[in-house]
Amino acid sequence: MALITIDTLRGHLKLPSDVHVEDAELNDFIRQAEDMVLGYIARPDDDEQAAMIAAWTTMTVPASVSAAVLKMAMAFWRYRDEPIPESIWENVAAILQMAGYRRPVAV
């Protein structure tokens, strides 16, 4: 399930023309990012939500989910040789929470 395209990721990475990146590598970053984002928003006990998520395409995915996937995929690229800073995931989670996905529980 590709929720963002390789071309979208390439555009956001603003790769110089002399930098060659294999599509397979970018696809890996996209898949990993989608796995993390969908794992965050999915409610295992909600079959209706699962069906809705399974039906998403690059054209129908909510913009907030697309933005979160893109941000995470960009982080996988930028920090491919080092640990991703915790602040990146906090930003991704904030995007999703502001869109109504898995709001924090009040303590």
PDB file of N, CA and C in Angstrom:
ATOM      1  N   MET A   1       0.855  -1.174   0.000  1.00  0.00           N
ATOM      2  CA  MET A   1       0.000   0.000   0.000  1.00  0.00           C
ATOM      3  C   MET A   1       0.896   1.230   0.000  1.00  0.00           C
ATOM      4  N   ALA A   2       1.049   1.880  -1.099  1.00  0.00           N
ATOM      5  CA  ALA A   2       1.854   3.098  -1.156  1.00  0.00           C
ATOM      6  C   ALA A   2       0.951   4.309  -0.946  1.00  0.00           C
ATOM      7  N   LEU A   3       1.180   5.018   0.149  1.00  0.00           N
ATOM      8  CA  LEU A   3       0.376   6.193   0.454  1.00  0.00           C
ATOM      9  C   LEU A   3       1.024   7.480  -0.041  1.00  0.00           C
ATOM     10  N   ILE A   4       2.304   7.414  -0.333  1.00  0.00           N
ATOM     11  CA  ILE A   4       2.982   8.512  -1.013  1.00  0.00           C
ATOM     12  C   ILE A   4       3.796   7.884  -2.144  1.00  0.00           C
ATOM     13  N   THR A   5       4.052   8.657  -3.164  1.00  0.00           N
ATOM     14  CA  THR A   5       4.790   8.132  -4.308  1.00  0.00           C
ATOM     15  C   THR A   5       6.284   8.419  -4.157  1.00  0.00           C
ATOM     16  N   ILE A   6       7.055   7.673  -4.909  1.00  0.00           N
ATOM     17  CA  ILE A   6       8.495   7.919  -4.928  1.00  0.00           C
ATOM     18  C   ILE A   6       8.772   9.340  -5.429  1.00  0.00           C
ATOM     19  N   ASP A   7       8.026   9.773  -6.435  1.00  0.00           N
ATOM     20  CA  ASP A   7       8.228  11.130  -6.962  1.00  0.00           C
ATOM     21  C   ASP A   7       7.948  12.188  -5.900  1.00  0.00           C
ATOM     22  N   THR A   8       6.921  11.963  -5.085  1.00  0.00           N
ATOM     23  CA  THR A   8       6.618  12.902  -4.004  1.00  0.00           C
ATOM     24  C   THR A   8       7.775  12.949  -3.013  1.00  0.00           C
ATOM     25  N   LEU A   9       8.277  11.769  -2.630  1.00  0.00           N
ATOM     26  CA  LEU A   9       9.398  11.725  -1.694  1.00  0.00           C
ATOM     27  C   LEU A   9      10.628  12.375  -2.306  1.00  0.00           C
ATOM     28  N   ARG A  10      10.926  12.061  -3.556  1.00  0.00           N
ATOM     29  CA  ARG A  10      12.081  12.681  -4.232  1.00  0.00           C
ATOM     30  C   ARG A  10      11.957  14.210  -4.231  1.00  0.00           C
ATOM     31  N   GLY A  11      10.763  14.713  -4.517  1.00  0.00           N
ATOM     32  CA  GLY A  11      10.552  16.156  -4.530  1.00  0.00           C
ATOM     33  C   GLY A  11      10.793  16.786  -3.175  1.00  0.00           C
ATOM     34  N   HIS A  12      10.337  16.134  -2.131  1.00  0.00           N
ATOM     35  CA  HIS A  12      10.529  16.689  -0.795  1.00  0.00           C
ATOM     36  C   HIS A  12      11.969  16.564  -0.316  1.00  0.00           C
ATOM     37  N   LEU A  13      12.674  15.551  -0.800  1.00  0.00           N
ATOM     38  CA  LEU A  13      14.083  15.400  -0.421  1.00  0.00           C
ATOM     39  C   LEU A  13      14.965  16.427  -1.132  1.00  0.00           C
ATOM     40  N   LYS A  14      14.444  16.994  -2.242  1.00  0.00           N
ATOM     41  CA  LYS A  14      15.201  17.986  -3.028  1.00  0.00           C
ATOM     42  C   LYS A  14      16.603  17.471  -3.344  1.00  0.00           C
ATOM     43  N   LEU A  15      16.632  16.257  -3.875  1.00  0.00           N
ATOM     44  CA  LEU A  15      17.910  15.644  -4.201  1.00  0.00           C
ATOM     45  C   LEU A  15      18.570  16.365  -5.374  1.00  0.00           C
ATOM     46  N   PRO A  16      19.839  16.709  -5.238  1.00  0.00           N
ATOM     47  CA  PRO A  16      20.551  17.313  -6.367  1.00  0.00           C
ATOM     48  C   PRO A  16      20.608  16.320  -7.530  1.00  0.00           C
ATOM     49  N   SER A  17      20.696  16.842  -8.739  1.00  0.00           N
ATOM     50  CA  SER A  17      20.678  15.973  -9.917  1.00  0.00           C
ATOM     51  C   SER A  17      21.864  15.011  -9.948  1.00  0.00           C
ATOM     52  N   ASP A  18      22.953  15.346  -9.265  1.00  0.00           N
ATOM     53  CA  ASP A  18      24.116  14.458  -9.285  1.00  0.00           C
ATOM     54  C   ASP A  18      24.041  13.370  -8.200  1.00  0.00           C
ATOM     55  N   VAL A  19      22.979  13.358  -7.414  1.00  0.00           N
ATOM     56  CA  VAL A  19      22.812  12.326  -6.388  1.00  0.00           C
ATOM     57  C   VAL A  19      21.869  11.267  -6.930  1.00  0.00           C
ATOM     58  N   HIS A  20      22.387  10.055  -7.025  1.00  0.00           N
ATOM     59  CA  HIS A  20      21.572   8.946  -7.535  1.00  0.00           C
ATOM     60  C   HIS A  20      21.092   8.105  -6.353  1.00  0.00           C
ATOM     61  N   VAL A  21      19.795   7.904  -6.295  1.00  0.00           N
ATOM     62  CA  VAL A  21      19.200   7.061  -5.258  1.00  0.00           C
ATOM     63  C   VAL A  21      18.314   6.039  -5.958  1.00  0.00           C
ATOM     64  N   GLU A  22      18.501   4.786  -5.612  1.00  0.00           N
ATOM     65  CA  GLU A  22      17.701   3.722  -6.207  1.00  0.00           C
ATOM     66  C   GLU A  22      16.252   3.824  -5.734  1.00  0.00           C
ATOM     67  N   ASP A  23      15.331   3.563  -6.643  1.00  0.00           N
ATOM     68  CA  ASP A  23      13.913   3.550  -6.280  1.00  0.00           C
ATOM     69  C   ASP A  23      13.643   2.521  -5.186  1.00  0.00           C
ATOM     70  N   ALA A  24      14.344   1.407  -5.214  1.00  0.00           N
ATOM     71  CA  ALA A  24      14.135   0.363  -4.208  1.00  0.00           C
ATOM     72  C   ALA A  24      14.422   0.895  -2.800  1.00  0.00           C
ATOM     73  N   GLU A  25      15.451   1.705  -2.678  1.00  0.00           N
ATOM     74  CA  GLU A  25      15.789   2.285  -1.370  1.00  0.00           C
ATOM     75  C   GLU A  25      14.691   3.240  -0.908  1.00  0.00           C
ATOM     76  N   LEU A  26      14.208   4.074  -1.803  1.00  0.00           N
ATOM     77  CA  LEU A  26      13.138   5.000  -1.446  1.00  0.00           C
ATOM     78  C   LEU A  26      11.847   4.246  -1.127  1.00  0.00           C
ATOM     79  N   ASN A  27      11.568   3.188  -1.880  1.00  0.00           N
ATOM     80  CA  ASN A  27      10.394   2.364  -1.576  1.00  0.00           C
ATOM     81  C   ASN A  27      10.494   1.758  -0.184  1.00  0.00           C
ATOM     82  N   ASP A  28      11.702   1.332   0.203  1.00  0.00           N
ATOM     83  CA  ASP A  28      11.895   0.800   1.558  1.00  0.00           C
ATOM     84  C   ASP A  28      11.572   1.851   2.603  1.00  0.00           C
ATOM     85  N   PHE A  29      12.050   3.079   2.394  1.00  0.00           N
ATOM     86  CA  PHE A  29      11.776   4.160   3.343  1.00  0.00           C
ATOM     87  C   PHE A  29      10.272   4.431   3.428  1.00  0.00           C
ATOM     88  N   ILE A  30       9.598   4.414   2.282  1.00  0.00           N
ATOM     89  CA  ILE A  30       8.154   4.649   2.265  1.00  0.00           C
ATOM     90  C   ILE A  30       7.432   3.538   3.015  1.00  0.00           C
ATOM     91  N   ARG A  31       7.773   2.287   2.737  1.00  0.00           N
ATOM     92  CA  ARG A  31       7.121   1.159   3.418  1.00  0.00           C
ATOM     93  C   ARG A  31       7.348   1.202   4.928  1.00  0.00           C
ATOM     94  N   GLN A  32       8.565   1.503   5.330  1.00  0.00           N
ATOM     95  CA  GLN A  32       8.869   1.579   6.763  1.00  0.00           C
ATOM     96  C   GLN A  32       8.080   2.704   7.426  1.00  0.00           C
ATOM     97  N   ALA A  33       8.020   3.843   6.763  1.00  0.00           N
ATOM     98  CA  ALA A  33       7.281   4.982   7.309  1.00  0.00           C
ATOM     99  C   ALA A  33       5.789   4.668   7.401  1.00  0.00           C
ATOM    100  N   GLU A  34       5.238   4.070   6.355  1.00  0.00           N
ATOM    101  CA  GLU A  34       3.822   3.700   6.382  1.00  0.00           C
ATOM    102  C   GLU A  34       3.544   2.715   7.505  1.00  0.00           C
ATOM    103  N   ASP A  35       4.426   1.751   7.685  1.00  0.00           N
ATOM    104  CA  ASP A  35       4.246   0.763   8.743  1.00  0.00           C
ATOM    105  C   ASP A  35       4.185   1.441  10.113  1.00  0.00           C
ATOM    106  N   MET A  36       5.075   2.382  10.348  1.00  0.00           N
ATOM    107  CA  MET A  36       5.096   3.081  11.638  1.00  0.00           C
ATOM    108  C   MET A  36       3.844   3.942  11.829  1.00  0.00           C
ATOM    109  N   VAL A  37       3.483   4.702  10.811  1.00  0.00           N
ATOM    110  CA  VAL A  37       2.344   5.606  10.933  1.00  0.00           C
ATOM    111  C   VAL A  37       1.044   4.825  11.073  1.00  0.00           C
ATOM    112  N   LEU A  38       0.844   3.824  10.226  1.00  0.00           N
ATOM    113  CA  LEU A  38      -0.389   3.041  10.306  1.00  0.00           C
ATOM    114  C   LEU A  38      -0.453   2.234  11.602  1.00  0.00           C
ATOM    115  N   GLY A  39       0.697   1.785  12.077  1.00  0.00           N
ATOM    116  CA  GLY A  39       0.730   1.099  13.368  1.00  0.00           C
ATOM    117  C   GLY A  39       0.325   2.016  14.514  1.00  0.00           C
ATOM    118  N   TYR A  40       0.610   3.291  14.359  1.00  0.00           N
ATOM    119  CA  TYR A  40       0.266   4.276  15.379  1.00  0.00           C
ATOM    120  C   TYR A  40      -1.232   4.574  15.383  1.00  0.00           C
ATOM    121  N   ILE A  41      -1.829   4.689  14.200  1.00  0.00           N
ATOM    122  CA  ILE A  41      -3.228   5.108  14.150  1.00  0.00           C
ATOM    123  C   ILE A  41      -4.217   3.951  14.163  1.00  0.00           C
ATOM    124  N   ALA A  42      -3.784   2.760  13.793  1.00  0.00           N
ATOM    125  CA  ALA A  42      -4.714   1.630  13.671  1.00  0.00           C
ATOM    126  C   ALA A  42      -5.190   1.156  15.040  1.00  0.00           C
ATOM    127  N   ARG A  43      -6.487   0.900  15.118  1.00  0.00           N
ATOM    128  CA  ARG A  43      -7.074   0.317  16.328  1.00  0.00           C
ATOM    129  C   ARG A  43      -7.414  -1.136  15.993  1.00  0.00           C
ATOM    130  N   PRO A  44      -6.704  -2.085  16.603  1.00  0.00           N
ATOM    131  CA  PRO A  44      -6.864  -3.485  16.223  1.00  0.00           C
ATOM    132  C   PRO A  44      -8.287  -4.023  16.392  1.00  0.00           C
ATOM    133  N   ASP A  45      -9.074  -3.407  17.243  1.00  0.00           N
ATOM    134  CA  ASP A  45     -10.431  -3.897  17.505  1.00  0.00           C
ATOM    135  C   ASP A  45     -11.486  -3.204  16.639  1.00  0.00           C
ATOM    136  N   ASP A  46     -11.062  -2.426  15.656  1.00  0.00           N
ATOM    137  CA  ASP A  46     -11.995  -1.657  14.833  1.00  0.00           C
ATOM    138  C   ASP A  46     -11.903  -2.115  13.375  1.00  0.00           C
ATOM    139  N   ASP A  47     -12.762  -3.068  13.008  1.00  0.00           N
ATOM    140  CA  ASP A  47     -12.746  -3.618  11.651  1.00  0.00           C
ATOM    141  C   ASP A  47     -13.119  -2.568  10.608  1.00  0.00           C
ATOM    142  N   GLU A  48     -14.014  -1.649  10.971  1.00  0.00           N
ATOM    143  CA  GLU A  48     -14.428  -0.605  10.035  1.00  0.00           C
ATOM    144  C   GLU A  48     -13.248   0.303   9.695  1.00  0.00           C
ATOM    145  N   GLN A  49     -12.475   0.677  10.726  1.00  0.00           N
ATOM    146  CA  GLN A  49     -11.315   1.522  10.486  1.00  0.00           C
ATOM    147  C   GLN A  49     -10.279   0.770   9.649  1.00  0.00           C
ATOM    148  N   ALA A  50     -10.070  -0.509   9.951  1.00  0.00           N
ATOM    149  CA  ALA A  50      -9.100  -1.314   9.201  1.00  0.00           C
ATOM    150  C   ALA A  50      -9.467  -1.373   7.721  1.00  0.00           C
ATOM    151  N   ALA A  51     -10.738  -1.526   7.421  1.00  0.00           N
ATOM    152  CA  ALA A  51     -11.189  -1.560   6.028  1.00  0.00           C
ATOM    153  C   ALA A  51     -10.980  -0.211   5.353  1.00  0.00           C
ATOM    154  N   MET A  52     -11.248   0.866   6.083  1.00  0.00           N
ATOM    155  CA  MET A  52     -11.054   2.202   5.546  1.00  0.00           C
ATOM    156  C   MET A  52      -9.573   2.436   5.221  1.00  0.00           C
ATOM    157  N   ILE A  53      -8.696   2.074   6.147  1.00  0.00           N
ATOM    158  CA  ILE A  53      -7.259   2.251   5.935  1.00  0.00           C
ATOM    159  C   ILE A  53      -6.785   1.413   4.758  1.00  0.00           C
ATOM    160  N   ALA A  54      -7.267   0.187   4.655  1.00  0.00           N
ATOM    161  CA  ALA A  54      -6.857  -0.706   3.564  1.00  0.00           C
ATOM    162  C   ALA A  54      -7.258  -0.151   2.202  1.00  0.00           C
ATOM    163  N   ALA A  55      -8.298   0.671   2.170  1.00  0.00           N
ATOM    164  CA  ALA A  55      -8.787   1.223   0.904  1.00  0.00           C
ATOM    165  C   ALA A  55      -8.061   2.507   0.495  1.00  0.00           C
ATOM    166  N   TRP A  56      -7.254   3.084   1.380  1.00  0.00           N
ATOM    167  CA  TRP A  56      -6.566   4.324   1.056  1.00  0.00           C
ATOM    168  C   TRP A  56      -5.605   4.135  -0.109  1.00  0.00           C
ATOM    169  N   THR A  57      -5.510   5.149  -0.946  1.00  0.00           N
ATOM    170  CA  THR A  57      -4.538   5.204  -2.036  1.00  0.00           C
ATOM    171  C   THR A  57      -3.812   6.535  -1.923  1.00  0.00           C
ATOM    172  N   THR A  58      -2.882   6.774  -2.822  1.00  0.00           N
ATOM    173  CA  THR A  58      -2.194   8.073  -2.813  1.00  0.00           C
ATOM    174  C   THR A  58      -3.166   9.222  -3.044  1.00  0.00           C
ATOM    175  N   MET A  59      -4.295   8.926  -3.669  1.00  0.00           N
ATOM    176  CA  MET A  59      -5.293   9.972  -3.966  1.00  0.00           C
ATOM    177  C   MET A  59      -6.322  10.150  -2.847  1.00  0.00           C
ATOM    178  N   THR A  60      -6.512   9.132  -2.002  1.00  0.00           N
ATOM    179  CA  THR A  60      -7.577   9.209  -1.002  1.00  0.00           C
ATOM    180  C   THR A  60      -7.085   9.259   0.443  1.00  0.00           C
ATOM    181  N   VAL A  61      -5.808   9.057   0.661  1.00  0.00           N
ATOM    182  CA  VAL A  61      -5.283   9.083   2.026  1.00  0.00           C
ATOM    183  C   VAL A  61      -5.471  10.488   2.599  1.00  0.00           C
ATOM    184  N   PRO A  62      -5.894  10.580   3.869  1.00  0.00           N
ATOM    185  CA  PRO A  62      -6.015  11.907   4.478  1.00  0.00           C
ATOM    186  C   PRO A  62      -4.669  12.651   4.449  1.00  0.00           C
ATOM    187  N   ALA A  63      -4.728  13.943   4.229  1.00  0.00           N
ATOM    188  CA  ALA A  63      -3.512  14.747   4.105  1.00  0.00           C
ATOM    189  C   ALA A  63      -2.623  14.636   5.340  1.00  0.00           C
ATOM    190  N   SER A  64      -3.217  14.554   6.520  1.00  0.00           N
ATOM    191  CA  SER A  64      -2.406  14.451   7.741  1.00  0.00           C
ATOM    192  C   SER A  64      -1.629  13.138   7.781  1.00  0.00           C
ATOM    193  N   VAL A  65      -2.241  12.066   7.337  1.00  0.00           N
ATOM    194  CA  VAL A  65      -1.561  10.765   7.310  1.00  0.00           C
ATOM    195  C   VAL A  65      -0.459  10.791   6.255  1.00  0.00           C
ATOM    196  N   SER A  66      -0.753  11.356   5.107  1.00  0.00           N
ATOM    197  CA  SER A  66       0.250  11.486   4.050  1.00  0.00           C
ATOM    198  C   SER A  66       1.438  12.312   4.537  1.00  0.00           C
ATOM    199  N   ALA A  67       1.163  13.415   5.227  1.00  0.00           N
ATOM    200  CA  ALA A  67       2.229  14.275   5.746  1.00  0.00           C
ATOM    201  C   ALA A  67       3.081  13.533   6.769  1.00  0.00           C
ATOM    202  N   ALA A  68       2.448  12.747   7.622  1.00  0.00           N
ATOM    203  CA  ALA A  68       3.182  11.983   8.631  1.00  0.00           C
ATOM    204  C   ALA A  68       4.069  10.927   7.976  1.00  0.00           C
ATOM    205  N   VAL A  69       3.543  10.231   6.975  1.00  0.00           N
ATOM    206  CA  VAL A  69       4.335   9.227   6.261  1.00  0.00           C
ATOM    207  C   VAL A  69       5.518   9.898   5.563  1.00  0.00           C
ATOM    208  N   LEU A  70       5.265  11.015   4.912  1.00  0.00           N
ATOM    209  CA  LEU A  70       6.322  11.723   4.210  1.00  0.00           C
ATOM    210  C   LEU A  70       7.408  12.191   5.170  1.00  0.00           C
ATOM    211  N   LYS A  71       7.008  12.756   6.291  1.00  0.00           N
ATOM    212  CA  LYS A  71       7.987  13.231   7.281  1.00  0.00           C
ATOM    213  C   LYS A  71       8.844  12.080   7.800  1.00  0.00           C
ATOM    214  N   MET A  72       8.216  10.937   8.069  1.00  0.00           N
ATOM    215  CA  MET A  72       8.950   9.781   8.577  1.00  0.00           C
ATOM    216  C   MET A  72       9.877   9.212   7.500  1.00  0.00           C
ATOM    217  N   ALA A  73       9.406   9.125   6.252  1.00  0.00           N
ATOM    218  CA  ALA A  73      10.243   8.619   5.158  1.00  0.00           C
ATOM    219  C   ALA A  73      11.448   9.538   4.933  1.00  0.00           C
ATOM    220  N   MET A  74      11.216  10.853   5.041  1.00  0.00           N
ATOM    221  CA  MET A  74      12.316  11.802   4.900  1.00  0.00           C
ATOM    222  C   MET A  74      13.337  11.618   6.018  1.00  0.00           C
ATOM    223  N   ALA A  75      12.862  11.317   7.209  1.00  0.00           N
ATOM    224  CA  ALA A  75      13.772  11.082   8.333  1.00  0.00           C
ATOM    225  C   ALA A  75      14.590   9.813   8.106  1.00  0.00           C
ATOM    226  N   PHE A  76      13.960   8.777   7.564  1.00  0.00           N
ATOM    227  CA  PHE A  76      14.712   7.559   7.256  1.00  0.00           C
ATOM    228  C   PHE A  76      15.828   7.854   6.258  1.00  0.00           C
ATOM    229  N   TRP A  77      15.562   8.723   5.292  1.00  0.00           N
ATOM    230  CA  TRP A  77      16.591   9.096   4.325  1.00  0.00           C
ATOM    231  C   TRP A  77      17.680   9.928   4.995  1.00  0.00           C
ATOM    232  N   ARG A  78      17.263  10.971   5.668  1.00  0.00           N
ATOM    233  CA  ARG A  78      18.242  11.909   6.247  1.00  0.00           C
ATOM    234  C   ARG A  78      19.134  11.245   7.297  1.00  0.00           C
ATOM    235  N   TYR A  79      18.559  10.372   8.101  1.00  0.00           N
ATOM    236  CA  TYR A  79      19.308   9.757   9.196  1.00  0.00           C
ATOM    237  C   TYR A  79      19.619   8.292   8.908  1.00  0.00           C
ATOM    238  N   ARG A  80      19.804   7.950   7.641  1.00  0.00           N
ATOM    239  CA  ARG A  80      19.987   6.545   7.278  1.00  0.00           C
ATOM    240  C   ARG A  80      21.241   5.926   7.882  1.00  0.00           C
ATOM    241  N   ASP A  81      22.219   6.741   8.252  1.00  0.00           N
ATOM    242  CA  ASP A  81      23.458   6.224   8.820  1.00  0.00           C
ATOM    243  C   ASP A  81      23.605   6.520  10.305  1.00  0.00           C
ATOM    244  N   GLU A  82      22.537   6.988  10.929  1.00  0.00           N
ATOM    245  CA  GLU A  82      22.595   7.318  12.356  1.00  0.00           C
ATOM    246  C   GLU A  82      21.194   7.199  12.947  1.00  0.00           C
ATOM    247  N   PRO A  83      21.082   7.188  14.255  1.00  0.00           N
ATOM    248  CA  PRO A  83      19.752   7.087  14.872  1.00  0.00           C
ATOM    249  C   PRO A  83      18.883   8.304  14.548  1.00  0.00           C
ATOM    250  N   ILE A  84      17.611   8.039  14.326  1.00  0.00           N
ATOM    251  CA  ILE A  84      16.662   9.126  14.081  1.00  0.00           C
ATOM    252  C   ILE A  84      16.368   9.808  15.413  1.00  0.00           C
ATOM    253  N   PRO A  85      16.477  11.124  15.473  1.00  0.00           N
ATOM    254  CA  PRO A  85      16.191  11.826  16.734  1.00  0.00           C
ATOM    255  C   PRO A  85      14.740  11.600  17.184  1.00  0.00           C
ATOM    256  N   GLU A  86      14.554  11.485  18.461  1.00  0.00           N
ATOM    257  CA  GLU A  86      13.221  11.280  19.045  1.00  0.00           C
ATOM    258  C   GLU A  86      12.272  12.409  18.647  1.00  0.00           C
ATOM    259  N   SER A  87      12.816  13.600  18.453  1.00  0.00           N
ATOM    260  CA  SER A  87      11.961  14.739  18.110  1.00  0.00           C
ATOM    261  C   SER A  87      11.234  14.535  16.779  1.00  0.00           C
ATOM    262  N   ILE A  88      11.811  13.769  15.866  1.00  0.00           N
ATOM    263  CA  ILE A  88      11.143  13.502  14.581  1.00  0.00           C
ATOM    264  C   ILE A  88       9.853  12.729  14.847  1.00  0.00           C
ATOM    265  N   TRP A  89       9.959  11.639  15.629  1.00  0.00           N
ATOM    266  CA  TRP A  89       8.761  10.852  15.919  1.00  0.00           C
ATOM    267  C   TRP A  89       7.752  11.683  16.707  1.00  0.00           C
ATOM    268  N   GLU A  90       8.206  12.528  17.607  1.00  0.00           N
ATOM    269  CA  GLU A  90       7.291  13.400  18.351  1.00  0.00           C
ATOM    270  C   GLU A  90       6.534  14.315  17.395  1.00  0.00           C
ATOM    271  N   ASN A  91       7.218  14.829  16.369  1.00  0.00           N
ATOM    272  CA  ASN A  91       6.557  15.683  15.372  1.00  0.00           C
ATOM    273  C   ASN A  91       5.539  14.899  14.561  1.00  0.00           C
ATOM    274  N   VAL A  92       5.892  13.679  14.175  1.00  0.00           N
ATOM    275  CA  VAL A  92       4.970  12.830  13.421  1.00  0.00           C
ATOM    276  C   VAL A  92       3.738  12.528  14.277  1.00  0.00           C
ATOM    277  N   ALA A  93       3.963  12.156  15.529  1.00  0.00           N
ATOM    278  CA  ALA A  93       2.843  11.866  16.438  1.00  0.00           C
ATOM    279  C   ALA A  93       1.968  13.104  16.622  1.00  0.00           C
ATOM    280  N   ALA A  94       2.574  14.277  16.704  1.00  0.00           N
ATOM    281  CA  ALA A  94       1.804  15.516  16.871  1.00  0.00           C
ATOM    282  C   ALA A  94       0.919  15.771  15.653  1.00  0.00           C
ATOM    283  N   ILE A  95       1.442  15.531  14.465  1.00  0.00           N
ATOM    284  CA  ILE A  95       0.638  15.692  13.245  1.00  0.00           C
ATOM    285  C   ILE A  95      -0.590  14.797  13.320  1.00  0.00           C
ATOM    286  N   LEU A  96      -0.377  13.553  13.687  1.00  0.00           N
ATOM    287  CA  LEU A  96      -1.477  12.580  13.741  1.00  0.00           C
ATOM    288  C   LEU A  96      -2.464  12.925  14.853  1.00  0.00           C
ATOM    289  N   GLN A  97      -1.965  13.348  16.000  1.00  0.00           N
ATOM    290  CA  GLN A  97      -2.847  13.690  17.113  1.00  0.00           C
ATOM    291  C   GLN A  97      -3.697  14.910  16.776  1.00  0.00           C
ATOM    292  N   MET A  98      -3.109  15.902  16.116  1.00  0.00           N
ATOM    293  CA  MET A  98      -3.876  17.093  15.747  1.00  0.00           C
ATOM    294  C   MET A  98      -4.980  16.753  14.746  1.00  0.00           C
ATOM    295  N   ALA A  99      -4.767  15.680  13.997  1.00  0.00           N
ATOM    296  CA  ALA A  99      -5.773  15.239  13.029  1.00  0.00           C
ATOM    297  C   ALA A  99      -6.817  14.323  13.670  1.00  0.00           C
ATOM    298  N   GLY A 100      -6.654  14.048  14.964  1.00  0.00           N
ATOM    299  CA  GLY A 100      -7.647  13.249  15.680  1.00  0.00           C
ATOM    300  C   GLY A 100      -7.297  11.774  15.832  1.00  0.00           C
ATOM    301  N   TYR A 101      -6.108  11.394  15.437  1.00  0.00           N
ATOM    302  CA  TYR A 101      -5.699  10.004  15.585  1.00  0.00           C
ATOM    303  C   TYR A 101      -5.034   9.806  16.950  1.00  0.00           C
ATOM    304  N   ARG A 102      -5.562   8.870  17.689  1.00  0.00           N
ATOM    305  CA  ARG A 102      -5.006   8.459  18.972  1.00  0.00           C
ATOM    306  C   ARG A 102      -4.572   9.623  19.839  1.00  0.00           C
ATOM    307  N   ARG A 103      -5.535  10.333  20.331  1.00  0.00           N
ATOM    308  CA  ARG A 103      -5.230  11.464  21.219  1.00  0.00           C
ATOM    309  C   ARG A 103      -4.619  10.945  22.516  1.00  0.00           C
ATOM    310  N   PRO A 104      -3.749  11.741  23.130  1.00  0.00           N
ATOM    311  CA  PRO A 104      -3.151  11.305  24.385  1.00  0.00           C
ATOM    312  C   PRO A 104      -4.212  11.140  25.484  1.00  0.00           C
ATOM    313  N   VAL A 105      -3.972  10.186  26.347  1.00  0.00           N
ATOM    314  CA  VAL A 105      -4.899   9.934  27.460  1.00  0.00           C
ATOM    315  C   VAL A 105      -4.589  10.918  28.583  1.00  0.00           C
ATOM    316  N   ALA A 106      -5.613  11.528  29.126  1.00  0.00           N
ATOM    317  CA  ALA A 106      -5.414  12.468  30.243  1.00  0.00           C
ATOM    318  C   ALA A 106      -5.020  11.694  31.488  1.00  0.00           C
ATOM    319  N   VAL A 107      -4.076  12.220  32.225  1.00  0.00           N
ATOM    320  CA  VAL A 107      -3.638  11.577  33.454  1.00  0.00           C
ATOM    321  C   VAL A 107      -4.145  12.251  34.679  1.00  0.00           C
TER     322      VAL A 107
END
